[in-house]
């Protein structure tokens, strides 16, 4: 399970659901005292601050205290699920997202986040169902298409994954990870020249994009262009040394098998 966590955090967006300025009025309407309303407002500030600062255990406590006050607020459950994902508590996060969706079945963010948790658990079909539901609610959501592509790739459905990645890219041409994922799928499908063109394009536009440079290294090496491959690899090592670890590339970043094999050949010259 831990091996999948970083891929979840790479391939998804954990969205903090904002509850807005209506909170104090909502609390008053529920019969809270002025002191309790103030306590809720302070907890809200602390929860968002801790979440944004990466203090996830602390944030989990604050979100839990807010849930005790306002158990019918779906966004609280979804936000606690997000910080639990960040601590690799995927089953606990899943329970929170289930509750958020039960309380607000038309709220899209919880489907995106629950889909990510399901991906982390390797439950690809269930993740696809959540992303598909999200697209029913928000048909032009590029993150939903990209994430659904990731889940389809988990099932080895590379053509279907490519279609989703391309749709994500069409909706948001600046979505670099969708472009990268599409290029990875192209490589797995044997469209190596197209994939290499995309890897090159991404490295030109985003010189510090280690994923694109590492993929370009592996693809060029197998294509018989060792000089350019090695020059790109020098940059990769300086940007992110994790690409030297095939297990990380295969199981956490989740490159497709064909490109993992290509990188293996480069690393074990």
C-alpha atoms as a PDB file:
ATOM      1  CA  UNK A   1       0.000   0.000   0.000  1.00  0.00           C
ATOM      2  CA  UNK A   2       2.775   2.441   0.839  1.00  0.00           C
ATOM      3  CA  UNK A   3       4.281   1.907  -2.600  1.00  0.00           C
ATOM      4  CA  UNK A   4       1.150   3.357  -4.198  1.00  0.00           C
ATOM      5  CA  UNK A   5       0.796   6.440  -1.976  1.00  0.00           C
ATOM      6  CA  UNK A   6       3.174   8.733  -3.832  1.00  0.00           C
ATOM      7  CA  UNK A   7       1.503   7.888  -7.133  1.00  0.00           C
ATOM      8  CA  UNK A   8      -1.826   8.859  -5.595  1.00  0.00           C
ATOM      9  CA  UNK A   9      -0.376  12.204  -4.551  1.00  0.00           C
ATOM     10  CA  UNK A  10       1.277  12.681  -7.977  1.00  0.00           C
ATOM     11  CA  UNK A  11      -1.654  11.725 -10.106  1.00  0.00           C
ATOM     12  CA  UNK A  12      -4.469  13.378  -8.240  1.00  0.00           C
ATOM     13  CA  UNK A  13      -5.522  16.629  -6.662  1.00  0.00           C
ATOM     14  CA  UNK A  14      -6.533  16.466  -3.023  1.00  0.00           C
ATOM     15  CA  UNK A  15      -8.883  19.442  -2.858  1.00  0.00           C
ATOM     16  CA  UNK A  16      -9.658  21.274   0.342  1.00  0.00           C
ATOM     17  CA  UNK A  17     -13.380  21.994   0.377  1.00  0.00           C
ATOM     18  CA  UNK A  18     -14.010  25.547   1.478  1.00  0.00           C
ATOM     19  CA  UNK A  19     -17.070  26.074   3.608  1.00  0.00           C
ATOM     20  CA  UNK A  20     -17.070  29.847   3.290  1.00  0.00           C
ATOM     21  CA  UNK A  21     -18.385  32.644   5.417  1.00  0.00           C
ATOM     22  CA  UNK A  22     -21.737  30.985   6.037  1.00  0.00           C
ATOM     23  CA  UNK A  23     -20.237  28.788   8.735  1.00  0.00           C
ATOM     24  CA  UNK A  24     -20.874  31.025  11.772  1.00  0.00           C
ATOM     25  CA  UNK A  25     -24.455  31.666  10.674  1.00  0.00           C
ATOM     26  CA  UNK A  26     -24.923  27.939  10.140  1.00  0.00           C
ATOM     27  CA  UNK A  27     -23.571  27.250  13.606  1.00  0.00           C
ATOM     28  CA  UNK A  28     -25.891  29.828  15.149  1.00  0.00           C
ATOM     29  CA  UNK A  29     -28.816  28.278  13.299  1.00  0.00           C
ATOM     30  CA  UNK A  30     -27.934  24.950  14.902  1.00  0.00           C
ATOM     31  CA  UNK A  31     -28.194  26.468  18.369  1.00  0.00           C
ATOM     32  CA  UNK A  32     -24.508  26.883  19.229  1.00  0.00           C
ATOM     33  CA  UNK A  33     -23.517  29.502  21.754  1.00  0.00           C
ATOM     34  CA  UNK A  34     -21.342  32.461  20.810  1.00  0.00           C
ATOM     35  CA  UNK A  35     -18.372  30.720  22.460  1.00  0.00           C
ATOM     36  CA  UNK A  36     -18.957  27.572  20.429  1.00  0.00           C
ATOM     37  CA  UNK A  37     -19.273  29.575  17.216  1.00  0.00           C
ATOM     38  CA  UNK A  38     -15.925  31.206  17.997  1.00  0.00           C
ATOM     39  CA  UNK A  39     -14.359  27.827  18.768  1.00  0.00           C
ATOM     40  CA  UNK A  40     -15.606  26.457  15.427  1.00  0.00           C
ATOM     41  CA  UNK A  41     -14.185  29.436  13.546  1.00  0.00           C
ATOM     42  CA  UNK A  42     -10.796  29.032  15.244  1.00  0.00           C
ATOM     43  CA  UNK A  43     -10.717  25.295  14.594  1.00  0.00           C
ATOM     44  CA  UNK A  44     -11.498  25.943  10.938  1.00  0.00           C
ATOM     45  CA  UNK A  45      -8.544  28.322  10.632  1.00  0.00           C
ATOM     46  CA  UNK A  46      -6.229  25.887  12.401  1.00  0.00           C
ATOM     47  CA  UNK A  47      -7.391  22.971  10.250  1.00  0.00           C
ATOM     48  CA  UNK A  48      -6.755  24.774   6.968  1.00  0.00           C
ATOM     49  CA  UNK A  49      -3.423  26.158   8.174  1.00  0.00           C
ATOM     50  CA  UNK A  50      -2.152  22.767   9.346  1.00  0.00           C
ATOM     51  CA  UNK A  51      -3.341  21.100   6.131  1.00  0.00           C
ATOM     52  CA  UNK A  52      -1.635  23.633   3.897  1.00  0.00           C
ATOM     53  CA  UNK A  53       1.590  23.445   5.946  1.00  0.00           C
ATOM     54  CA  UNK A  54       1.793  19.658   5.672  1.00  0.00           C
ATOM     55  CA  UNK A  55       1.093  19.063   9.379  1.00  0.00           C
ATOM     56  CA  UNK A  56      -1.310  16.294   8.529  1.00  0.00           C
ATOM     57  CA  UNK A  57      -1.617  14.531  11.892  1.00  0.00           C
ATOM     58  CA  UNK A  58      -2.364  17.856  13.555  1.00  0.00           C
ATOM     59  CA  UNK A  59      -4.827  18.754  10.805  1.00  0.00           C
ATOM     60  CA  UNK A  60      -6.591  15.399  11.208  1.00  0.00           C
ATOM     61  CA  UNK A  61      -7.248  16.224  14.850  1.00  0.00           C
ATOM     62  CA  UNK A  62      -8.709  19.618  13.983  1.00  0.00           C
ATOM     63  CA  UNK A  63     -10.943  18.233  11.239  1.00  0.00           C
ATOM     64  CA  UNK A  64     -12.129  15.532  13.647  1.00  0.00           C
ATOM     65  CA  UNK A  65     -13.032  18.135  16.266  1.00  0.00           C
ATOM     66  CA  UNK A  66     -14.954  20.109  13.670  1.00  0.00           C
ATOM     67  CA  UNK A  67     -16.844  16.952  12.681  1.00  0.00           C
ATOM     68  CA  UNK A  68     -17.906  16.551  16.314  1.00  0.00           C
ATOM     69  CA  UNK A  69     -19.462  20.007  16.132  1.00  0.00           C
ATOM     70  CA  UNK A  70     -20.902  19.722  12.599  1.00  0.00           C
ATOM     71  CA  UNK A  71     -21.300  16.052  11.642  1.00  0.00           C
ATOM     72  CA  UNK A  72     -23.628  16.881   8.736  1.00  0.00           C
ATOM     73  CA  UNK A  73     -21.032  19.046   6.933  1.00  0.00           C
ATOM     74  CA  UNK A  74     -19.807  16.891   4.037  1.00  0.00           C
ATOM     75  CA  UNK A  75     -16.749  19.056   3.351  1.00  0.00           C
ATOM     76  CA  UNK A  76     -15.347  18.325   6.809  1.00  0.00           C
ATOM     77  CA  UNK A  77     -15.377  14.584   6.152  1.00  0.00           C
ATOM     78  CA  UNK A  78     -13.792  15.069   2.734  1.00  0.00           C
ATOM     79  CA  UNK A  79     -11.032  17.287   4.125  1.00  0.00           C
ATOM     80  CA  UNK A  80     -10.224  14.832   6.906  1.00  0.00           C
ATOM     81  CA  UNK A  81     -10.061  12.153   4.239  1.00  0.00           C
ATOM     82  CA  UNK A  82      -7.497  14.241   2.362  1.00  0.00           C
ATOM     83  CA  UNK A  83      -5.135  14.537   5.316  1.00  0.00           C
ATOM     84  CA  UNK A  84      -5.555  10.830   6.010  1.00  0.00           C
ATOM     85  CA  UNK A  85      -4.519  10.050   2.422  1.00  0.00           C
ATOM     86  CA  UNK A  86      -1.460  12.223   3.018  1.00  0.00           C
ATOM     87  CA  UNK A  87      -0.591   9.960   5.971  1.00  0.00           C
ATOM     88  CA  UNK A  88      -1.169   6.763   3.953  1.00  0.00           C
ATOM     89  CA  UNK A  89      -4.326   5.985   5.954  1.00  0.00           C
ATOM     90  CA  UNK A  90      -6.188   5.003   2.820  1.00  0.00           C
ATOM     91  CA  UNK A  91      -8.905   2.844   4.375  1.00  0.00           C
ATOM     92  CA  UNK A  92      -9.701   5.497   6.975  1.00  0.00           C
ATOM     93  CA  UNK A  93      -9.747   8.120   4.227  1.00  0.00           C
ATOM     94  CA  UNK A  94     -12.099   5.960   2.185  1.00  0.00           C
ATOM     95  CA  UNK A  95     -14.538   5.826   5.102  1.00  0.00           C
ATOM     96  CA  UNK A  96     -14.476   9.631   5.345  1.00  0.00           C
ATOM     97  CA  UNK A  97     -15.110  10.066   1.633  1.00  0.00           C
ATOM     98  CA  UNK A  98     -17.981   7.574   1.799  1.00  0.00           C
ATOM     99  CA  UNK A  99     -19.584   9.683   4.511  1.00  0.00           C
ATOM    100  CA  UNK A 100     -18.992  12.907   2.581  1.00  0.00           C
ATOM    101  CA  UNK A 101     -20.676  11.448  -0.489  1.00  0.00           C
ATOM    102  CA  UNK A 102     -23.584  10.109   1.572  1.00  0.00           C
ATOM    103  CA  UNK A 103     -24.160  13.625   2.931  1.00  0.00           C
ATOM    104  CA  UNK A 104     -23.652  15.466  -0.389  1.00  0.00           C
ATOM    105  CA  UNK A 105     -23.973  13.051  -3.338  1.00  0.00           C
ATOM    106  CA  UNK A 106     -23.852  15.864  -5.924  1.00  0.00           C
ATOM    107  CA  UNK A 107     -20.600  17.386  -4.618  1.00  0.00           C
ATOM    108  CA  UNK A 108     -17.838  16.503  -7.127  1.00  0.00           C
ATOM    109  CA  UNK A 109     -14.674  16.910  -5.028  1.00  0.00           C
ATOM    110  CA  UNK A 110     -15.343  13.888  -2.850  1.00  0.00           C
ATOM    111  CA  UNK A 111     -15.591  11.635  -5.921  1.00  0.00           C
ATOM    112  CA  UNK A 112     -12.232  12.862  -7.177  1.00  0.00           C
ATOM    113  CA  UNK A 113     -10.607  12.272  -3.806  1.00  0.00           C
ATOM    114  CA  UNK A 114     -12.296   8.928  -3.161  1.00  0.00           C
ATOM    115  CA  UNK A 115     -11.220   7.792  -6.612  1.00  0.00           C
ATOM    116  CA  UNK A 116      -7.645   8.652  -5.701  1.00  0.00           C
ATOM    117  CA  UNK A 117      -7.846   6.649  -2.480  1.00  0.00           C
ATOM    118  CA  UNK A 118      -9.287   3.700  -4.409  1.00  0.00           C
ATOM    119  CA  UNK A 119      -6.394   3.977  -6.868  1.00  0.00           C
ATOM    120  CA  UNK A 120      -3.985   3.852  -3.952  1.00  0.00           C
ATOM    121  CA  UNK A 121      -5.649   0.627  -2.840  1.00  0.00           C
ATOM    122  CA  UNK A 122      -5.398  -0.833  -6.344  1.00  0.00           C
ATOM    123  CA  UNK A 123      -9.192  -0.892  -6.727  1.00  0.00           C
ATOM    124  CA  UNK A 124      -9.114   0.301 -10.313  1.00  0.00           C
ATOM    125  CA  UNK A 125     -12.687  -0.433 -11.373  1.00  0.00           C
ATOM    126  CA  UNK A 126     -14.136   1.339  -8.358  1.00  0.00           C
ATOM    127  CA  UNK A 127     -11.858   4.318  -9.016  1.00  0.00           C
ATOM    128  CA  UNK A 128     -13.011   4.438 -12.650  1.00  0.00           C
ATOM    129  CA  UNK A 129     -16.629   4.445 -11.460  1.00  0.00           C
ATOM    130  CA  UNK A 130     -15.959   7.437  -9.204  1.00  0.00           C
ATOM    131  CA  UNK A 131     -14.204   9.407 -11.930  1.00  0.00           C
ATOM    132  CA  UNK A 132     -17.007   8.610 -14.353  1.00  0.00           C
ATOM    133  CA  UNK A 133     -19.553   9.868 -11.817  1.00  0.00           C
ATOM    134  CA  UNK A 134     -17.463  12.998 -11.368  1.00  0.00           C
ATOM    135  CA  UNK A 135     -17.544  13.569 -15.129  1.00  0.00           C
ATOM    136  CA  UNK A 136     -21.314  13.282 -15.064  1.00  0.00           C
ATOM    137  CA  UNK A 137     -21.335  16.119 -12.534  1.00  0.00           C
ATOM    138  CA  UNK A 138     -18.548  18.191 -14.140  1.00  0.00           C
ATOM    139  CA  UNK A 139     -18.122  17.036 -17.759  1.00  0.00           C
ATOM    140  CA  UNK A 140     -15.137  19.285 -18.520  1.00  0.00           C
ATOM    141  CA  UNK A 141     -12.926  18.379 -15.568  1.00  0.00           C
ATOM    142  CA  UNK A 142      -9.397  17.611 -16.885  1.00  0.00           C
ATOM    143  CA  UNK A 143      -8.271  16.113 -13.544  1.00  0.00           C
ATOM    144  CA  UNK A 144     -11.101  13.587 -13.698  1.00  0.00           C
ATOM    145  CA  UNK A 145     -10.080  12.488 -17.194  1.00  0.00           C
ATOM    146  CA  UNK A 146      -6.405  12.272 -16.236  1.00  0.00           C
ATOM    147  CA  UNK A 147      -7.147  10.258 -13.105  1.00  0.00           C
ATOM    148  CA  UNK A 148      -9.522   7.946 -14.920  1.00  0.00           C
ATOM    149  CA  UNK A 149      -6.718   7.374 -17.410  1.00  0.00           C
ATOM    150  CA  UNK A 150      -4.438   6.427 -14.524  1.00  0.00           C
ATOM    151  CA  UNK A 151      -6.958   3.891 -13.251  1.00  0.00           C
ATOM    152  CA  UNK A 152      -7.425   2.409 -16.724  1.00  0.00           C
ATOM    153  CA  UNK A 153      -3.655   2.176 -17.062  1.00  0.00           C
ATOM    154  CA  UNK A 154      -3.660   0.252 -13.776  1.00  0.00           C
ATOM    155  CA  UNK A 155      -5.852  -2.313 -15.541  1.00  0.00           C
ATOM    156  CA  UNK A 156      -3.531  -2.355 -18.550  1.00  0.00           C
ATOM    157  CA  UNK A 157      -6.166  -0.675 -20.747  1.00  0.00           C
ATOM    158  CA  UNK A 158      -3.660   1.581 -22.468  1.00  0.00           C
ATOM    159  CA  UNK A 159      -5.735   2.666 -25.468  1.00  0.00           C
ATOM    160  CA  UNK A 160      -8.618   3.689 -23.213  1.00  0.00           C
ATOM    161  CA  UNK A 161      -6.168   5.413 -20.868  1.00  0.00           C
ATOM    162  CA  UNK A 162      -4.640   7.323 -23.794  1.00  0.00           C
ATOM    163  CA  UNK A 163      -8.069   8.589 -24.858  1.00  0.00           C
ATOM    164  CA  UNK A 164      -8.694   9.964 -21.376  1.00  0.00           C
ATOM    165  CA  UNK A 165      -5.262  11.584 -21.150  1.00  0.00           C
ATOM    166  CA  UNK A 166      -5.763  13.233 -24.533  1.00  0.00           C
ATOM    167  CA  UNK A 167      -9.144  14.565 -23.448  1.00  0.00           C
ATOM    168  CA  UNK A 168      -7.583  15.988 -20.277  1.00  0.00           C
ATOM    169  CA  UNK A 169      -4.921  17.674 -22.390  1.00  0.00           C
ATOM    170  CA  UNK A 170      -7.513  19.058 -24.802  1.00  0.00           C
ATOM    171  CA  UNK A 171      -9.428  20.590 -21.915  1.00  0.00           C
ATOM    172  CA  UNK A 172      -6.285  22.049 -20.331  1.00  0.00           C
ATOM    173  CA  UNK A 173      -3.308  22.346 -22.728  1.00  0.00           C
ATOM    174  CA  UNK A 174      -1.090  23.448 -19.822  1.00  0.00           C
ATOM    175  CA  UNK A 175      -1.792  20.230 -17.872  1.00  0.00           C
ATOM    176  CA  UNK A 176       1.770  18.899 -18.148  1.00  0.00           C
ATOM    177  CA  UNK A 177       1.129  15.619 -16.348  1.00  0.00           C
ATOM    178  CA  UNK A 178      -1.757  14.769 -18.678  1.00  0.00           C
ATOM    179  CA  UNK A 179       0.557  15.352 -21.660  1.00  0.00           C
ATOM    180  CA  UNK A 180       3.232  13.245 -19.994  1.00  0.00           C
ATOM    181  CA  UNK A 181       0.833  10.427 -19.219  1.00  0.00           C
ATOM    182  CA  UNK A 182      -0.415  10.474 -22.808  1.00  0.00           C
ATOM    183  CA  UNK A 183       3.160  10.158 -24.056  1.00  0.00           C
ATOM    184  CA  UNK A 184       3.788   7.235 -21.698  1.00  0.00           C
ATOM    185  CA  UNK A 185       0.687   5.490 -23.017  1.00  0.00           C
ATOM    186  CA  UNK A 186       1.817   6.136 -26.607  1.00  0.00           C
ATOM    187  CA  UNK A 187       5.145   4.472 -25.827  1.00  0.00           C
ATOM    188  CA  UNK A 188       3.446   1.432 -24.304  1.00  0.00           C
ATOM    189  CA  UNK A 189       1.251   1.130 -27.413  1.00  0.00           C
ATOM    190  CA  UNK A 190       4.334   1.045 -29.627  1.00  0.00           C
ATOM    191  CA  UNK A 191       4.058   4.605 -30.940  1.00  0.00           C
ATOM    192  CA  UNK A 192       7.642   5.263 -29.945  1.00  0.00           C
ATOM    193  CA  UNK A 193       8.382   8.116 -32.359  1.00  0.00           C
ATOM    194  CA  UNK A 194       5.293  10.034 -31.224  1.00  0.00           C
ATOM    195  CA  UNK A 195       6.200   9.414 -27.595  1.00  0.00           C
ATOM    196  CA  UNK A 196       9.765  10.634 -28.059  1.00  0.00           C
ATOM    197  CA  UNK A 197       8.488  13.787 -29.768  1.00  0.00           C
ATOM    198  CA  UNK A 198       6.252  14.456 -26.794  1.00  0.00           C
ATOM    199  CA  UNK A 199       9.048  13.783 -24.277  1.00  0.00           C
ATOM    200  CA  UNK A 200      11.291  16.210 -26.158  1.00  0.00           C
ATOM    201  CA  UNK A 201       8.556  18.834 -26.334  1.00  0.00           C
ATOM    202  CA  UNK A 202       7.916  18.581 -22.605  1.00  0.00           C
ATOM    203  CA  UNK A 203      11.600  18.878 -21.709  1.00  0.00           C
ATOM    204  CA  UNK A 204      11.930  21.960 -23.912  1.00  0.00           C
ATOM    205  CA  UNK A 205       8.914  23.612 -22.348  1.00  0.00           C
ATOM    206  CA  UNK A 206       9.616  22.440 -18.784  1.00  0.00           C
ATOM    207  CA  UNK A 207      13.408  21.982 -18.465  1.00  0.00           C
ATOM    208  CA  UNK A 208      13.131  20.822 -14.834  1.00  0.00           C
ATOM    209  CA  UNK A 209      10.449  18.183 -15.522  1.00  0.00           C
ATOM    210  CA  UNK A 210      12.421  15.158 -14.344  1.00  0.00           C
ATOM    211  CA  UNK A 211       9.767  12.647 -15.393  1.00  0.00           C
ATOM    212  CA  UNK A 212       9.919  13.745 -19.025  1.00  0.00           C
ATOM    213  CA  UNK A 213      13.743  13.781 -19.090  1.00  0.00           C
ATOM    214  CA  UNK A 214      13.968  10.332 -17.526  1.00  0.00           C
ATOM    215  CA  UNK A 215      11.466   8.930 -20.029  1.00  0.00           C
ATOM    216  CA  UNK A 216      13.346  10.583 -22.882  1.00  0.00           C
ATOM    217  CA  UNK A 217      16.580   9.030 -21.605  1.00  0.00           C
ATOM    218  CA  UNK A 218      15.143   5.513 -21.612  1.00  0.00           C
ATOM    219  CA  UNK A 219      13.386   5.876 -24.962  1.00  0.00           C
ATOM    220  CA  UNK A 220      16.419   7.364 -26.717  1.00  0.00           C
ATOM    221  CA  UNK A 221      18.743   4.703 -25.324  1.00  0.00           C
ATOM    222  CA  UNK A 222      16.631   1.898 -26.745  1.00  0.00           C
ATOM    223  CA  UNK A 223      16.254   3.852 -30.004  1.00  0.00           C
ATOM    224  CA  UNK A 224      20.042   3.860 -30.443  1.00  0.00           C
ATOM    225  CA  UNK A 225      20.752   7.472 -29.524  1.00  0.00           C
ATOM    226  CA  UNK A 226      23.045   7.048 -26.496  1.00  0.00           C
ATOM    227  CA  UNK A 227      24.643  10.498 -26.572  1.00  0.00           C
ATOM    228  CA  UNK A 228      21.406  12.432 -26.169  1.00  0.00           C
ATOM    229  CA  UNK A 229      20.133   9.834 -23.724  1.00  0.00           C
ATOM    230  CA  UNK A 230      23.138  10.252 -21.443  1.00  0.00           C
ATOM    231  CA  UNK A 231      23.031  14.059 -21.576  1.00  0.00           C
ATOM    232  CA  UNK A 232      19.412  14.010 -20.448  1.00  0.00           C
ATOM    233  CA  UNK A 233      20.237  11.545 -17.690  1.00  0.00           C
ATOM    234  CA  UNK A 234      22.777  13.930 -16.174  1.00  0.00           C
ATOM    235  CA  UNK A 235      19.950  16.433 -15.744  1.00  0.00           C
ATOM    236  CA  UNK A 236      17.608  13.779 -14.331  1.00  0.00           C
ATOM    237  CA  UNK A 237      20.017  12.778 -11.565  1.00  0.00           C
ATOM    238  CA  UNK A 238      20.394  16.399 -10.564  1.00  0.00           C
ATOM    239  CA  UNK A 239      16.630  16.936 -10.500  1.00  0.00           C
ATOM    240  CA  UNK A 240      15.314  13.722  -8.924  1.00  0.00           C
ATOM    241  CA  UNK A 241      17.521  10.750  -8.077  1.00  0.00           C
ATOM    242  CA  UNK A 242      14.524   8.458  -7.500  1.00  0.00           C
ATOM    243  CA  UNK A 243      14.553   7.584 -11.200  1.00  0.00           C
ATOM    244  CA  UNK A 244      17.620   5.453 -10.492  1.00  0.00           C
ATOM    245  CA  UNK A 245      15.299   3.156  -8.512  1.00  0.00           C
ATOM    246  CA  UNK A 246      13.370   0.898 -10.891  1.00  0.00           C
ATOM    247  CA  UNK A 247      11.026  -0.240  -8.143  1.00  0.00           C
ATOM    248  CA  UNK A 248       9.999   3.367  -7.513  1.00  0.00           C
ATOM    249  CA  UNK A 249       9.516   4.017 -11.227  1.00  0.00           C
ATOM    250  CA  UNK A 250       7.428   0.881 -11.710  1.00  0.00           C
ATOM    251  CA  UNK A 251       5.343   0.772  -8.537  1.00  0.00           C
ATOM    252  CA  UNK A 252       5.120   4.337  -7.304  1.00  0.00           C
ATOM    253  CA  UNK A 253       5.399   6.535 -10.401  1.00  0.00           C
ATOM    254  CA  UNK A 254       3.783   3.676 -12.346  1.00  0.00           C
ATOM    255  CA  UNK A 255       5.439   3.981 -15.716  1.00  0.00           C
ATOM    256  CA  UNK A 256       4.159   1.498 -18.314  1.00  0.00           C
ATOM    257  CA  UNK A 257       6.030  -1.821 -18.612  1.00  0.00           C
ATOM    258  CA  UNK A 258       7.665  -1.038 -21.967  1.00  0.00           C
ATOM    259  CA  UNK A 259       9.320   2.120 -20.682  1.00  0.00           C
ATOM    260  CA  UNK A 260      10.338   0.505 -17.393  1.00  0.00           C
ATOM    261  CA  UNK A 261      12.092  -2.172 -19.458  1.00  0.00           C
ATOM    262  CA  UNK A 262      13.805   0.539 -21.515  1.00  0.00           C
ATOM    263  CA  UNK A 263      15.041   2.317 -18.382  1.00  0.00           C
ATOM    264  CA  UNK A 264      16.228  -1.010 -16.999  1.00  0.00           C
ATOM    265  CA  UNK A 265      18.395  -1.474 -20.096  1.00  0.00           C
ATOM    266  CA  UNK A 266      19.886   1.977 -19.666  1.00  0.00           C
ATOM    267  CA  UNK A 267      20.577   1.554 -15.957  1.00  0.00           C
ATOM    268  CA  UNK A 268      22.123  -1.888 -16.388  1.00  0.00           C
ATOM    269  CA  UNK A 269      24.340  -1.171 -19.359  1.00  0.00           C
END
